[in-house]
Amino acid sequence: AATPKKAARPAPFTPVLEPRAVELLQAMSQRLAAAKTLQFTAVAGYEYPSRLGPPVVYAMRYDVALQRPNQLKIVVPGDGPAFEFGFDGREMVAYVPAQNLVAVADAPPTIEGALQKAFDSAAIYFPFTDLLLPDPYGAISAGAILAYVVGPSAVVGGVPTDMVVWANNDVFLQLWIGTDDHLPRRIRAQFRADPRGLRHDLELSQWQLDGTLAADTFSTAKDRAGQPMAFAAPG
């Protein structure tokens, strides 16, 4: 009898990073990082399995205002419980208006440090965090194994965009980046560790860069009037 042949091993994947895709991500990063103030609205769509299996999509809106180097306000009006998060360079404040609950905690002096502490201590996470950092490209591109330009699009965000695929060993991203303004307009993600392959979708709109913000944009006086609670993860 013939000796069974061993199955051929698949060839190892060779990372491919197209220079044009890298240029588009870097241009987006530079535009965001150079802005002294940022305002935008993000609508995130999250998939959850239904009882029959196919996923149901839930949406959440975030209204974001940032003033470098260390002021941030994020308002979540719904769907789901309304929520506000603020950071002033010294403290971070989480406020739930429906229950009039407020949590206050000391924070590192940088926006990235405050966001990391909010996640570590209270499981507070925002799907656009990388876009707020001093170097969005460095955060997004870490460990990249694949990057290429899909092509142009004129149907996302009401502006011409370039579609870019970007992936590392943890997440597969598709980004729509404004051709003229270099601003991110949509991001779709699938995480490798998710066996169900659920998709996460983020639409970004109402961009205002280097605009004048109202004096009370980052005020937490109203929030601090709430009933105090611990700045900790639920449960």
Protein backbone atom coordinates (compact mmCIF):
# COMPACT_ATOMS: atom_id res chain seq x y z
CA ALA A 1 0.00 0.00 0.00
CA ALA A 2 1.13 3.50 -0.77
CA THR A 3 2.37 5.56 2.13
CA PRO A 4 -0.15 8.33 2.95
CA LYS A 5 1.17 11.74 2.11
CA LYS A 6 1.35 14.31 4.80
CA ALA A 7 -0.92 17.26 4.31
CA ALA A 8 1.00 20.25 3.05
CA ARG A 9 1.36 23.02 5.57
CA PRO A 10 -0.06 26.35 4.48
CA ALA A 11 2.58 28.85 3.57
CA PRO A 12 3.24 31.35 6.36
CA PHE A 13 1.52 34.69 5.92
CA THR A 14 3.86 37.44 4.84
CA PRO A 15 2.95 40.89 6.17
CA VAL A 16 1.97 43.27 3.38
CA LEU A 17 1.86 47.00 4.10
CA GLU A 18 1.06 49.07 1.03
CA PRO A 19 2.83 52.46 1.19
CA ARG A 20 -0.33 54.28 0.05
CA ALA A 21 -2.34 52.77 2.92
CA VAL A 22 0.35 53.82 5.39
CA GLU A 23 0.31 57.35 3.94
CA LEU A 24 -3.45 57.64 4.37
CA LEU A 25 -3.33 56.47 7.99
CA GLN A 26 -0.47 58.83 8.76
CA ALA A 27 -2.27 61.78 7.16
CA MET A 28 -5.36 61.04 9.25
CA SER A 29 -3.25 60.81 12.41
CA GLN A 30 -1.42 64.05 11.69
CA ARG A 31 -4.66 65.95 11.04
CA LEU A 32 -6.19 64.81 14.33
CA ALA A 33 -3.04 65.25 16.41
CA ALA A 34 -2.43 68.79 15.12
CA ALA A 35 -5.85 70.07 16.16
CA LYS A 36 -5.89 72.07 19.39
CA THR A 37 -9.61 71.36 19.80
CA LEU A 38 -11.78 68.57 18.42
CA GLN A 39 -15.53 68.11 18.31
CA PHE A 40 -17.35 65.24 16.64
CA THR A 41 -20.23 62.82 16.99
CA ALA A 42 -19.66 59.07 16.93
CA VAL A 43 -22.42 56.50 16.46
CA ALA A 44 -21.28 52.99 17.31
CA GLY A 45 -23.15 49.88 16.18
CA TYR A 46 -22.60 46.70 18.20
CA GLU A 47 -23.77 43.24 17.15
CA TYR A 48 -25.13 40.75 19.68
CA PRO A 49 -26.41 37.25 18.85
CA SER A 50 -30.18 36.86 18.77
CA ARG A 51 -31.95 33.77 20.10
CA LEU A 52 -31.97 32.37 16.57
CA GLY A 53 -28.30 33.13 16.05
CA PRO A 54 -28.11 36.01 13.54
CA PRO A 55 -26.92 39.17 15.31
CA VAL A 56 -29.02 42.13 16.35
CA VAL A 57 -27.43 45.58 16.14
CA TYR A 58 -27.56 48.05 19.01
CA ALA A 59 -26.45 51.66 18.55
CA MET A 60 -24.91 54.19 20.90
CA ARG A 61 -24.16 57.86 20.27
CA TYR A 62 -21.24 59.82 21.71
CA ASP A 63 -20.84 63.62 21.51
CA VAL A 64 -17.16 64.39 22.00
CA ALA A 65 -15.28 67.60 22.81
CA LEU A 66 -11.52 67.68 23.37
CA GLN A 67 -9.12 70.53 24.08
CA ARG A 68 -5.45 69.69 24.15
CA PRO A 69 -3.52 68.99 26.20
CA ASN A 70 -5.82 67.69 28.90
CA GLN A 71 -9.53 68.49 28.72
CA LEU A 72 -12.15 66.03 27.52
CA LYS A 73 -15.94 65.75 27.67
CA ILE A 74 -17.95 62.82 26.29
CA VAL A 75 -21.74 62.84 26.49
CA VAL A 76 -23.73 59.69 25.74
CA PRO A 77 -27.39 60.68 25.28
CA GLY A 78 -28.59 57.17 24.26
CA ASP A 79 -29.60 54.58 23.25
CA GLY A 80 -29.24 52.95 26.62
CA PRO A 81 -28.55 54.81 29.88
CA ALA A 82 -27.42 58.43 29.44
CA PHE A 83 -23.88 58.98 30.68
CA GLU A 84 -21.26 61.72 30.83
CA PHE A 85 -17.50 61.51 31.24
CA GLY A 86 -15.24 64.47 31.92
CA PHE A 87 -11.53 65.02 32.50
CA ASP A 88 -9.80 68.30 33.41
CA GLY A 89 -6.15 67.30 33.72
CA ARG A 90 -6.44 66.39 37.40
CA GLU A 91 -9.66 64.46 37.95
CA MET A 92 -12.09 62.40 35.92
CA VAL A 93 -15.83 62.49 36.56
CA ALA A 94 -18.45 59.93 35.50
CA TYR A 95 -22.06 61.07 35.81
CA VAL A 96 -25.35 59.20 35.30
CA PRO A 97 -28.12 61.83 35.16
CA ALA A 98 -31.11 59.49 35.36
CA GLN A 99 -30.04 58.23 38.79
CA ASN A 100 -28.15 61.47 39.65
CA LEU A 101 -25.03 59.44 40.50
CA VAL A 102 -21.52 60.80 40.19
CA ALA A 103 -18.08 59.20 40.59
CA VAL A 104 -14.92 61.27 40.88
CA ALA A 105 -11.35 59.97 40.84
CA ASP A 106 -7.84 61.38 40.59
CA ALA A 107 -6.39 60.90 37.14
CA PRO A 108 -3.01 61.12 35.39
CA PRO A 109 -2.33 64.52 33.76
CA THR A 110 -2.73 63.30 30.17
CA ILE A 111 -5.82 62.34 28.20
CA GLU A 112 -4.35 58.95 27.29
CA GLY A 113 -3.45 58.29 30.92
CA ALA A 114 -6.92 59.25 32.14
CA LEU A 115 -8.64 57.05 29.56
CA GLN A 116 -6.41 54.12 30.47
CA LYS A 117 -7.14 54.56 34.18
CA ALA A 118 -10.88 54.87 33.49
CA PHE A 119 -10.74 51.54 31.66
CA ASP A 120 -8.56 49.79 34.24
CA SER A 121 -10.47 50.99 37.29
CA ALA A 122 -14.06 51.26 36.07
CA ALA A 123 -14.29 49.40 32.72
CA ILE A 124 -15.13 52.70 30.97
CA TYR A 125 -14.25 52.32 27.30
CA PHE A 126 -14.89 54.40 24.19
CA PRO A 127 -14.54 52.83 20.72
CA PHE A 128 -12.81 55.93 19.32
CA THR A 129 -10.13 56.25 22.03
CA ASP A 130 -7.24 55.81 19.57
CA LEU A 131 -8.42 58.89 17.64
CA LEU A 132 -8.00 61.10 20.73
CA LEU A 133 -4.40 60.16 21.46
CA PRO A 134 -1.37 62.33 20.61
CA ASP A 135 -0.33 59.75 18.00
CA PRO A 136 -3.37 57.92 16.55
CA TYR A 137 -1.21 56.26 13.91
CA GLY A 138 1.07 54.71 16.51
CA ALA A 139 -1.91 53.29 18.40
CA ILE A 140 -3.71 51.92 15.34
CA SER A 141 -0.67 50.61 13.49
CA ALA A 142 0.90 48.62 16.34
CA GLY A 143 1.62 45.08 15.18
CA ALA A 144 0.24 45.66 11.68
CA ILE A 145 0.41 42.67 9.34
CA LEU A 146 -1.82 43.88 6.51
CA ALA A 147 -2.59 47.27 5.00
CA TYR A 148 -3.96 48.08 1.57
CA VAL A 149 -6.21 50.56 -0.19
CA VAL A 150 -9.52 49.12 -1.36
CA GLY A 151 -10.40 52.16 -3.46
CA PRO A 152 -12.42 55.38 -3.47
CA SER A 153 -15.94 55.83 -2.13
CA ALA A 154 -18.44 58.68 -2.39
CA VAL A 155 -21.25 57.32 -0.22
CA VAL A 156 -19.88 57.57 3.34
CA GLY A 157 -20.07 60.77 5.36
CA GLY A 158 -21.22 62.86 2.41
CA VAL A 159 -17.63 63.40 1.23
CA PRO A 160 -15.16 61.58 -1.03
CA THR A 161 -13.24 58.98 0.97
CA ASP A 162 -10.51 56.39 0.52
CA MET A 163 -11.22 52.90 1.88
CA VAL A 164 -8.32 51.30 3.73
CA VAL A 165 -7.99 47.80 5.21
CA TRP A 166 -5.71 47.59 8.23
CA ALA A 167 -5.14 44.51 10.38
CA ASN A 168 -2.95 43.06 13.09
CA ASN A 169 -3.20 39.74 14.91
CA ASP A 170 -6.02 41.04 17.13
CA VAL A 171 -8.33 43.07 14.93
CA PHE A 172 -9.32 43.53 11.28
CA LEU A 173 -10.28 47.11 10.40
CA GLN A 174 -11.78 48.84 7.41
CA LEU A 175 -11.57 52.62 7.48
CA TRP A 176 -13.13 55.30 5.31
CA ILE A 177 -10.85 58.37 5.38
CA GLY A 178 -11.78 61.72 3.84
CA THR A 179 -9.85 62.23 0.62
CA ASP A 180 -9.59 65.99 1.07
CA ASP A 181 -9.82 66.54 4.83
CA HIS A 182 -8.12 63.28 6.00
CA LEU A 183 -10.74 62.77 8.72
CA PRO A 184 -12.05 59.31 9.60
CA ARG A 185 -15.68 58.93 8.56
CA ARG A 186 -16.37 55.27 9.27
CA ILE A 187 -14.53 52.36 10.89
CA ARG A 188 -15.59 48.69 10.90
CA ALA A 189 -13.86 46.15 13.10
CA GLN A 190 -13.85 42.40 13.71
CA PHE A 191 -11.84 40.93 16.56
CA ARG A 192 -9.93 37.71 16.08
CA ALA A 193 -10.63 36.48 19.61
CA ASP A 194 -14.39 36.63 19.00
CA PRO A 195 -15.45 33.15 17.77
CA ARG A 196 -18.72 34.59 16.46
CA GLY A 197 -17.01 37.19 14.32
CA LEU A 198 -19.38 39.94 15.41
CA ARG A 199 -18.87 43.27 13.67
CA HIS A 200 -18.41 46.67 15.28
CA ASP A 201 -19.26 49.75 13.25
CA LEU A 202 -18.36 53.36 14.04
CA GLU A 203 -19.70 56.35 12.08
CA LEU A 204 -18.00 59.69 12.71
CA SER A 205 -19.62 62.99 11.74
CA GLN A 206 -20.06 66.68 12.59
CA TRP A 207 -16.31 67.21 12.74
CA GLN A 208 -15.08 70.60 14.01
CA LEU A 209 -11.34 71.15 14.35
CA ASP A 210 -9.73 74.15 16.04
CA GLY A 211 -13.09 75.73 16.74
CA THR A 212 -13.90 77.92 19.72
CA LEU A 213 -15.48 75.95 22.56
CA ALA A 214 -17.94 77.40 25.03
CA ALA A 215 -16.43 78.36 28.37
CA ASP A 216 -18.49 75.76 30.23
CA THR A 217 -17.82 72.89 27.81
CA PHE A 218 -15.68 71.01 30.31
CA SER A 219 -17.41 72.15 33.49
CA THR A 220 -18.31 69.39 35.94
CA ALA A 221 -20.21 71.60 38.41
CA LYS A 222 -23.58 70.09 37.48
CA ASP A 223 -22.23 66.55 37.62
CA ARG A 224 -20.65 67.05 41.02
CA ALA A 225 -24.04 67.88 42.51
CA GLY A 226 -25.04 64.22 42.11
CA GLN A 227 -25.05 61.49 44.71
CA PRO A 228 -21.45 60.26 45.16
CA MET A 229 -20.55 56.68 44.28
CA ALA A 230 -17.31 54.76 43.91
CA PHE A 231 -15.32 55.10 40.70
CA ALA A 232 -15.19 51.36 40.07
CA ALA A 233 -16.25 48.69 37.62
CA PRO A 234 -19.94 47.66 37.75
CA GLY A 235 -20.52 44.71 40.02
